[in-house]
PDB file of N, CA and C in Angstrom:
ATOM      1  N   MET A   1      11.819 -44.923  56.194  1.00  0.00           N
ATOM      2  CA  MET A   1      11.195 -43.573  56.852  1.00  0.00           C
ATOM      3  C   MET A   1      10.562 -43.834  58.151  1.00  0.00           C
ATOM      4  N   THR A   2      10.877 -43.344  59.164  1.00  0.00           N
ATOM      5  CA  THR A   2      10.630 -43.498  60.559  1.00  0.00           C
ATOM      6  C   THR A   2       9.166 -42.776  60.585  1.00  0.00           C
ATOM      7  N   PRO A   3       8.485 -43.030  61.860  1.00  0.00           N
ATOM      8  CA  PRO A   3       7.076 -42.686  61.944  1.00  0.00           C
ATOM      9  C   PRO A   3       7.181 -41.080  62.140  1.00  0.00           C
ATOM     10  N   GLU A   4       8.409 -40.918  62.946  1.00  0.00           N
ATOM     11  CA  GLU A   4       8.359 -39.066  63.165  1.00  0.00           C
ATOM     12  C   GLU A   4       9.068 -38.214  61.838  1.00  0.00           C
ATOM     13  N   GLN A   5       9.620 -39.265  60.925  1.00  0.00           N
ATOM     14  CA  GLN A   5      10.003 -38.507  59.569  1.00  0.00           C
ATOM     15  C   GLN A   5       8.650 -38.391  59.005  1.00  0.00           C
ATOM     16  N   LYS A   6       7.962 -39.514  58.823  1.00  0.00           N
ATOM     17  CA  LYS A   6       6.417 -39.246  58.037  1.00  0.00           C
ATOM     18  C   LYS A   6       5.738 -38.344  58.600  1.00  0.00           C
ATOM     19  N   GLN A   7       5.733 -38.339  60.178  1.00  0.00           N
ATOM     20  CA  GLN A   7       5.052 -37.178  60.491  1.00  0.00           C
ATOM     21  C   GLN A   7       5.379 -35.651  60.278  1.00  0.00           C
ATOM     22  N   ALA A   8       6.746 -35.516  60.357  1.00  0.00           N
ATOM     23  CA  ALA A   8       7.046 -34.497  60.020  1.00  0.00           C
ATOM     24  C   ALA A   8       6.752 -33.726  58.541  1.00  0.00           C
ATOM     25  N   LEU A   9       7.010 -34.970  57.545  1.00  0.00           N
ATOM     26  CA  LEU A   9       6.672 -34.758  56.073  1.00  0.00           C
ATOM     27  C   LEU A   9       5.571 -34.223  55.716  1.00  0.00           C
ATOM     28  N   GLN A  10       4.461 -34.900  56.613  1.00  0.00           N
ATOM     29  CA  GLN A  10       2.907 -34.718  56.615  1.00  0.00           C
ATOM     30  C   GLN A  10       2.762 -33.319  56.802  1.00  0.00           C
ATOM     31  N   GLU A  11       3.244 -32.748  58.034  1.00  0.00           N
ATOM     32  CA  GLU A  11       3.224 -31.572  58.372  1.00  0.00           C
ATOM     33  C   GLU A  11       3.471 -30.389  57.536  1.00  0.00           C
ATOM     34  N   HIS A  12       4.718 -30.692  56.712  1.00  0.00           N
ATOM     35  CA  HIS A  12       5.275 -29.759  55.934  1.00  0.00           C
ATOM     36  C   HIS A  12       4.588 -29.950  54.237  1.00  0.00           C
ATOM     37  N   ILE A  13       4.161 -31.100  54.043  1.00  0.00           N
ATOM     38  CA  ILE A  13       3.177 -31.141  52.888  1.00  0.00           C
ATOM     39  C   ILE A  13       1.794 -30.127  52.773  1.00  0.00           C
ATOM     40  N   GLN A  14       1.372 -30.586  54.485  1.00  0.00           N
ATOM     41  CA  GLN A  14       0.110 -29.326  54.490  1.00  0.00           C
ATOM     42  C   GLN A  14       0.313 -28.168  54.508  1.00  0.00           C
ATOM     43  N   ALA A  15       1.534 -27.627  55.057  1.00  0.00           N
ATOM     44  CA  ALA A  15       1.821 -26.314  55.020  1.00  0.00           C
ATOM     45  C   ALA A  15       2.128 -25.832  53.702  1.00  0.00           C
ATOM     46  N   ILE A  16       2.980 -26.532  52.848  1.00  0.00           N
ATOM     47  CA  ILE A  16       3.083 -26.244  51.334  1.00  0.00           C
ATOM     48  C   ILE A  16       2.059 -25.953  50.317  1.00  0.00           C
ATOM     49  N   ALA A  17       1.084 -27.116  50.669  1.00  0.00           N
ATOM     50  CA  ALA A  17      -0.369 -27.329  50.044  1.00  0.00           C
ATOM     51  C   ALA A  17      -1.419 -26.075  50.394  1.00  0.00           C
ATOM     52  N   LYS A  18      -1.204 -25.495  51.843  1.00  0.00           N
ATOM     53  CA  LYS A  18      -1.837 -24.170  52.078  1.00  0.00           C
ATOM     54  C   LYS A  18      -1.141 -23.042  51.198  1.00  0.00           C
ATOM     55  N   ILE A  19       0.001 -22.966  51.299  1.00  0.00           N
ATOM     56  CA  ILE A  19       0.468 -21.992  50.739  1.00  0.00           C
ATOM     57  C   ILE A  19       0.436 -22.000  48.844  1.00  0.00           C
ATOM     58  N   LEU A  20       0.433 -22.965  48.525  1.00  0.00           N
ATOM     59  CA  LEU A  20       0.402 -23.173  47.069  1.00  0.00           C
ATOM     60  C   LEU A  20      -1.411 -22.967  46.760  1.00  0.00           C
ATOM     61  N   TYR A  21      -2.237 -23.329  47.790  1.00  0.00           N
ATOM     62  CA  TYR A  21      -3.448 -23.399  47.446  1.00  0.00           C
ATOM     63  C   TYR A  21      -3.827 -21.496  47.395  1.00  0.00           C
ATOM     64  N   GLU A  22      -3.308 -20.843  48.735  1.00  0.00           N
ATOM     65  CA  GLU A  22      -3.764 -19.651  48.268  1.00  0.00           C
ATOM     66  C   GLU A  22      -2.982 -18.918  47.287  1.00  0.00           C
ATOM     67  N   ASP A  23      -1.914 -19.296  46.412  1.00  0.00           N
ATOM     68  CA  ASP A  23      -1.328 -18.814  45.439  1.00  0.00           C
ATOM     69  C   ASP A  23      -1.847 -19.449  44.221  1.00  0.00           C
ATOM     70  N   THR A  24      -3.159 -19.769  44.417  1.00  0.00           N
ATOM     71  CA  THR A  24      -3.709 -20.707  42.901  1.00  0.00           C
ATOM     72  C   THR A  24      -5.276 -20.036  42.633  1.00  0.00           C
ATOM     73  N   SER A  25      -5.377 -19.749  41.461  1.00  0.00           N
ATOM     74  CA  SER A  25      -6.579 -19.148  40.766  1.00  0.00           C
ATOM     75  C   SER A  25      -7.773 -20.100  41.459  1.00  0.00           C
ATOM     76  N   LYS A  26      -8.647 -19.308  42.068  1.00  0.00           N
ATOM     77  CA  LYS A  26     -10.153 -20.426  42.256  1.00  0.00           C
ATOM     78  C   LYS A  26     -10.888 -21.167  41.232  1.00  0.00           C
ATOM     79  N   GLU A  27     -10.304 -20.242  40.471  1.00  0.00           N
ATOM     80  CA  GLU A  27     -11.221 -20.614  38.867  1.00  0.00           C
ATOM     81  C   GLU A  27     -10.617 -22.305  38.447  1.00  0.00           C
ATOM     82  N   LYS A  28      -9.596 -22.474  38.512  1.00  0.00           N
ATOM     83  CA  LYS A  28      -9.014 -23.525  38.243  1.00  0.00           C
ATOM     84  C   LYS A  28      -9.103 -24.692  39.302  1.00  0.00           C
ATOM     85  N   LEU A  29      -9.710 -24.506  40.251  1.00  0.00           N
ATOM     86  CA  LEU A  29     -10.275 -25.439  41.188  1.00  0.00           C
ATOM     87  C   LEU A  29     -11.572 -25.915  41.486  1.00  0.00           C
ATOM     88  N   ILE A  30     -12.190 -26.002  40.293  1.00  0.00           N
ATOM     89  CA  ILE A  30     -13.657 -26.299  40.328  1.00  0.00           C
ATOM     90  C   ILE A  30     -14.071 -27.952  39.918  1.00  0.00           C
ATOM     91  N   ASN A  31     -12.596 -28.292  39.376  1.00  0.00           N
ATOM     92  CA  ASN A  31     -12.873 -29.542  39.124  1.00  0.00           C
ATOM     93  C   ASN A  31     -11.724 -30.315  39.129  1.00  0.00           C
ATOM     94  N   LEU A  32     -11.719 -31.675  38.851  1.00  0.00           N
ATOM     95  CA  LEU A  32     -10.433 -32.653  39.080  1.00  0.00           C
ATOM     96  C   LEU A  32      -9.317 -32.192  38.307  1.00  0.00           C
ATOM     97  N   ALA A  33      -9.881 -32.108  37.000  1.00  0.00           N
ATOM     98  CA  ALA A  33      -8.845 -31.600  36.006  1.00  0.00           C
ATOM     99  C   ALA A  33      -8.099 -30.309  36.058  1.00  0.00           C
ATOM    100  N   GLY A  34      -8.928 -29.240  36.759  1.00  0.00           N
ATOM    101  CA  GLY A  34      -8.493 -28.232  36.886  1.00  0.00           C
ATOM    102  C   GLY A  34      -7.442 -28.006  38.221  1.00  0.00           C
ATOM    103  N   ILE A  35      -7.895 -29.175  39.172  1.00  0.00           N
ATOM    104  CA  ILE A  35      -6.737 -29.413  40.115  1.00  0.00           C
ATOM    105  C   ILE A  35      -5.784 -30.200  39.884  1.00  0.00           C
ATOM    106  N   GLU A  36      -5.415 -30.939  39.137  1.00  0.00           N
ATOM    107  CA  GLU A  36      -4.613 -31.627  38.499  1.00  0.00           C
ATOM    108  C   GLU A  36      -3.539 -30.808  37.848  1.00  0.00           C
ATOM    109  N   GLU A  37      -4.160 -29.757  36.917  1.00  0.00           N
ATOM    110  CA  GLU A  37      -3.332 -29.139  36.283  1.00  0.00           C
ATOM    111  C   GLU A  37      -2.854 -27.991  37.268  1.00  0.00           C
ATOM    112  N   ALA A  38      -3.296 -27.454  38.054  1.00  0.00           N
ATOM    113  CA  ALA A  38      -2.933 -26.429  39.360  1.00  0.00           C
ATOM    114  C   ALA A  38      -1.695 -26.957  40.172  1.00  0.00           C
ATOM    115  N   VAL A  39      -2.132 -28.316  40.574  1.00  0.00           N
ATOM    116  CA  VAL A  39      -0.919 -29.049  41.318  1.00  0.00           C
ATOM    117  C   VAL A  39       0.320 -29.441  40.738  1.00  0.00           C
ATOM    118  N   ARG A  40       0.141 -30.002  39.356  1.00  0.00           N
ATOM    119  CA  ARG A  40       1.466 -30.082  38.671  1.00  0.00           C
ATOM    120  C   ARG A  40       2.155 -28.763  38.124  1.00  0.00           C
ATOM    121  N   SER A  41       1.397 -27.629  37.939  1.00  0.00           N
ATOM    122  CA  SER A  41       2.338 -26.659  37.609  1.00  0.00           C
ATOM    123  C   SER A  41       2.790 -26.084  38.954  1.00  0.00           C
ATOM    124  N   GLN A  42       2.035 -25.750  39.913  1.00  0.00           N
ATOM    125  CA  GLN A  42       2.643 -25.407  40.978  1.00  0.00           C
ATOM    126  C   GLN A  42       3.992 -26.216  41.998  1.00  0.00           C
ATOM    127  N   MET A  43       3.839 -27.522  41.610  1.00  0.00           N
ATOM    128  CA  MET A  43       5.003 -28.340  41.861  1.00  0.00           C
ATOM    129  C   MET A  43       6.035 -28.315  40.980  1.00  0.00           C
ATOM    130  N   GLN A  44       5.899 -27.821  39.774  1.00  0.00           N
ATOM    131  CA  GLN A  44       6.933 -27.918  38.683  1.00  0.00           C
ATOM    132  C   GLN A  44       7.847 -26.537  39.119  1.00  0.00           C
ATOM    133  N   LYS A  45       6.643 -25.415  39.123  1.00  0.00           N
ATOM    134  CA  LYS A  45       7.104 -23.901  39.350  1.00  0.00           C
ATOM    135  C   LYS A  45       7.890 -23.656  40.508  1.00  0.00           C
ATOM    136  N   HIS A  46       7.331 -24.312  41.840  1.00  0.00           N
ATOM    137  CA  HIS A  46       7.893 -24.053  42.816  1.00  0.00           C
ATOM    138  C   HIS A  46       8.853 -25.203  43.785  1.00  0.00           C
ATOM    139  N   VAL A  47       8.167 -26.279  43.963  1.00  0.00           N
ATOM    140  CA  VAL A  47       8.543 -27.453  44.856  1.00  0.00           C
ATOM    141  C   VAL A  47       9.873 -28.188  44.247  1.00  0.00           C
ATOM    142  N   MET A  48       9.605 -28.589  43.127  1.00  0.00           N
ATOM    143  CA  MET A  48      10.548 -29.479  42.174  1.00  0.00           C
ATOM    144  C   MET A  48      11.846 -28.755  42.222  1.00  0.00           C
ATOM    145  N   PRO A  49      12.060 -27.665  41.893  1.00  0.00           N
ATOM    146  CA  PRO A  49      13.195 -27.046  41.632  1.00  0.00           C
ATOM    147  C   PRO A  49      14.094 -27.426  42.762  1.00  0.00           C
ATOM    148  N   GLU A  50      13.465 -26.866  43.850  1.00  0.00           N
ATOM    149  CA  GLU A  50      14.299 -26.323  45.255  1.00  0.00           C
ATOM    150  C   GLU A  50      14.633 -27.843  45.510  1.00  0.00           C
ATOM    151  N   VAL A  51      14.019 -28.971  45.434  1.00  0.00           N
ATOM    152  CA  VAL A  51      14.507 -30.233  45.701  1.00  0.00           C
ATOM    153  C   VAL A  51      15.381 -30.465  44.904  1.00  0.00           C
ATOM    154  N   GLY A  52      15.827 -30.239  43.757  1.00  0.00           N
ATOM    155  CA  GLY A  52      16.621 -30.403  42.877  1.00  0.00           C
ATOM    156  C   GLY A  52      17.644 -29.777  43.076  1.00  0.00           C
ATOM    157  N   VAL A  53      17.830 -28.545  43.501  1.00  0.00           N
ATOM    158  CA  VAL A  53      19.033 -27.822  44.354  1.00  0.00           C
ATOM    159  C   VAL A  53      19.482 -28.363  45.482  1.00  0.00           C
ATOM    160  N   PHE A  54      18.604 -28.859  46.244  1.00  0.00           N
ATOM    161  CA  PHE A  54      18.996 -29.251  47.707  1.00  0.00           C
ATOM    162  C   PHE A  54      19.785 -30.654  47.312  1.00  0.00           C
ATOM    163  N   LEU A  55      19.398 -31.531  46.385  1.00  0.00           N
ATOM    164  CA  LEU A  55      19.754 -32.962  46.178  1.00  0.00           C
ATOM    165  C   LEU A  55      21.042 -32.625  45.401  1.00  0.00           C
ATOM    166  N   SER A  56      21.334 -31.464  44.578  1.00  0.00           N
ATOM    167  CA  SER A  56      22.335 -31.080  43.920  1.00  0.00           C
ATOM    168  C   SER A  56      23.408 -30.753  44.721  1.00  0.00           C
ATOM    169  N   LYS A  57      23.137 -30.009  45.795  1.00  0.00           N
ATOM    170  CA  LYS A  57      24.199 -29.512  46.825  1.00  0.00           C
ATOM    171  C   LYS A  57      24.508 -30.459  47.624  1.00  0.00           C
ATOM    172  N   ARG A  58      23.789 -31.630  47.803  1.00  0.00           N
ATOM    173  CA  ARG A  58      23.929 -32.741  48.585  1.00  0.00           C
ATOM    174  C   ARG A  58      25.345 -33.389  48.308  1.00  0.00           C
ATOM    175  N   LEU A  59      25.123 -33.800  46.917  1.00  0.00           N
ATOM    176  CA  LEU A  59      26.077 -34.515  45.895  1.00  0.00           C
ATOM    177  C   LEU A  59      27.354 -33.691  45.654  1.00  0.00           C
ATOM    178  N   GLN A  60      27.325 -32.535  45.721  1.00  0.00           N
ATOM    179  CA  GLN A  60      28.347 -31.834  45.806  1.00  0.00           C
ATOM    180  C   GLN A  60      29.275 -31.916  47.067  1.00  0.00           C
ATOM    181  N   GLU A  61      28.636 -31.700  48.287  1.00  0.00           N
ATOM    182  CA  GLU A  61      28.998 -32.280  49.563  1.00  0.00           C
ATOM    183  C   GLU A  61      29.754 -33.427  50.033  1.00  0.00           C
ATOM    184  N   GLN A  62      29.280 -34.509  49.114  1.00  0.00           N
ATOM    185  CA  GLN A  62      29.688 -36.031  49.410  1.00  0.00           C
ATOM    186  C   GLN A  62      31.597 -35.872  48.782  1.00  0.00           C
ATOM    187  N   PRO A  63      32.055 -36.528  49.516  1.00  0.00           N
ATOM    188  CA  PRO A  63      33.497 -36.733  48.684  1.00  0.00           C
ATOM    189  C   PRO A  63      33.166 -37.615  47.675  1.00  0.00           C
ATOM    190  N   GLN A  64      34.108 -37.050  46.841  1.00  0.00           N
ATOM    191  CA  GLN A  64      33.679 -37.819  45.417  1.00  0.00           C
ATOM    192  C   GLN A  64      35.083 -38.984  45.353  1.00  0.00           C
ATOM    193  N   ASP A  65      34.650 -40.243  45.005  1.00  0.00           N
ATOM    194  CA  ASP A  65      35.617 -41.201  44.843  1.00  0.00           C
ATOM    195  C   ASP A  65      36.296 -40.942  43.521  1.00  0.00           C
ATOM    196  N   THR A  66      37.125 -41.437  43.374  1.00  0.00           N
ATOM    197  CA  THR A  66      38.103 -41.176  41.844  1.00  0.00           C
ATOM    198  C   THR A  66      37.974 -42.627  41.422  1.00  0.00           C
ATOM    199  N   ASN A  67      37.570 -43.817  42.051  1.00  0.00           N
ATOM    200  CA  ASN A  67      37.808 -45.228  41.508  1.00  0.00           C
ATOM    201  C   ASN A  67      36.452 -45.662  41.642  1.00  0.00           C
ATOM    202  N   ASP A  68      36.135 -46.147  39.872  1.00  0.00           N
ATOM    203  CA  ASP A  68      34.706 -46.662  40.077  1.00  0.00           C
ATOM    204  C   ASP A  68      34.553 -47.952  40.861  1.00  0.00           C
ATOM    205  N   ILE A  69      35.712 -48.876  40.507  1.00  0.00           N
ATOM    206  CA  ILE A  69      35.717 -50.382  41.345  1.00  0.00           C
ATOM    207  C   ILE A  69      36.099 -50.338  42.483  1.00  0.00           C
ATOM    208  N   SER A  70      35.683 -50.712  43.365  1.00  0.00           N
ATOM    209  CA  SER A  70      36.484 -50.603  44.799  1.00  0.00           C
ATOM    210  C   SER A  70      37.549 -51.854  44.992  1.00  0.00           C
ATOM    211  N   LYS A  71      38.544 -51.737  45.661  1.00  0.00           N
ATOM    212  CA  LYS A  71      39.767 -52.960  45.813  1.00  0.00           C
ATOM    213  C   LYS A  71      38.720 -54.350  45.844  1.00  0.00           C
ATOM    214  N   VAL A  72      37.954 -54.449  47.018  1.00  0.00           N
ATOM    215  CA  VAL A  72      37.485 -55.368  46.878  1.00  0.00           C
ATOM    216  C   VAL A  72      36.825 -56.146  46.027  1.00  0.00           C
ATOM    217  N   SER A  73      36.009 -55.153  44.970  1.00  0.00           N
ATOM    218  CA  SER A  73      35.750 -55.664  43.643  1.00  0.00           C
ATOM    219  C   SER A  73      36.558 -55.990  43.018  1.00  0.00           C
ATOM    220  N   LEU A  74      37.876 -55.566  42.875  1.00  0.00           N
ATOM    221  CA  LEU A  74      38.748 -55.832  41.809  1.00  0.00           C
ATOM    222  C   LEU A  74      39.505 -57.023  42.375  1.00  0.00           C
ATOM    223  N   GLU A  75      39.659 -57.490  43.720  1.00  0.00           N
ATOM    224  CA  GLU A  75      40.260 -58.791  44.313  1.00  0.00           C
ATOM    225  C   GLU A  75      39.447 -59.948  43.884  1.00  0.00           C
ATOM    226  N   SER A  76      38.122 -59.838  43.769  1.00  0.00           N
ATOM    227  CA  SER A  76      37.301 -60.890  43.600  1.00  0.00           C
ATOM    228  C   SER A  76      37.165 -61.230  42.168  1.00  0.00           C
ATOM    229  N   TYR A  77      37.355 -59.813  41.190  1.00  0.00           N
ATOM    230  CA  TYR A  77      37.143 -60.218  39.808  1.00  0.00           C
ATOM    231  C   TYR A  77      38.526 -60.803  39.417  1.00  0.00           C
ATOM    232  N   GLN A  78      39.751 -60.539  39.943  1.00  0.00           N
ATOM    233  CA  GLN A  78      40.684 -61.207  39.606  1.00  0.00           C
ATOM    234  C   GLN A  78      40.942 -62.567  39.853  1.00  0.00           C
TER     235      GLN A  78
END
């Protein structure tokens, strides 16, 4: 990851964290166990499904190779 990508990622993480914080019951944020539970719940509910959809779409956009073994692999195998 480039320094620019790390910086962009950090900025996006902070923005996501702010939104999720505003959507979390403050009673859950009084101790580490509550914070951990709230973070896990929010990530599973909102963030991870979107990342999964994004990656799934990217996979579908890639050209599908019908051969599992390349010609180079076959030549060296034989």
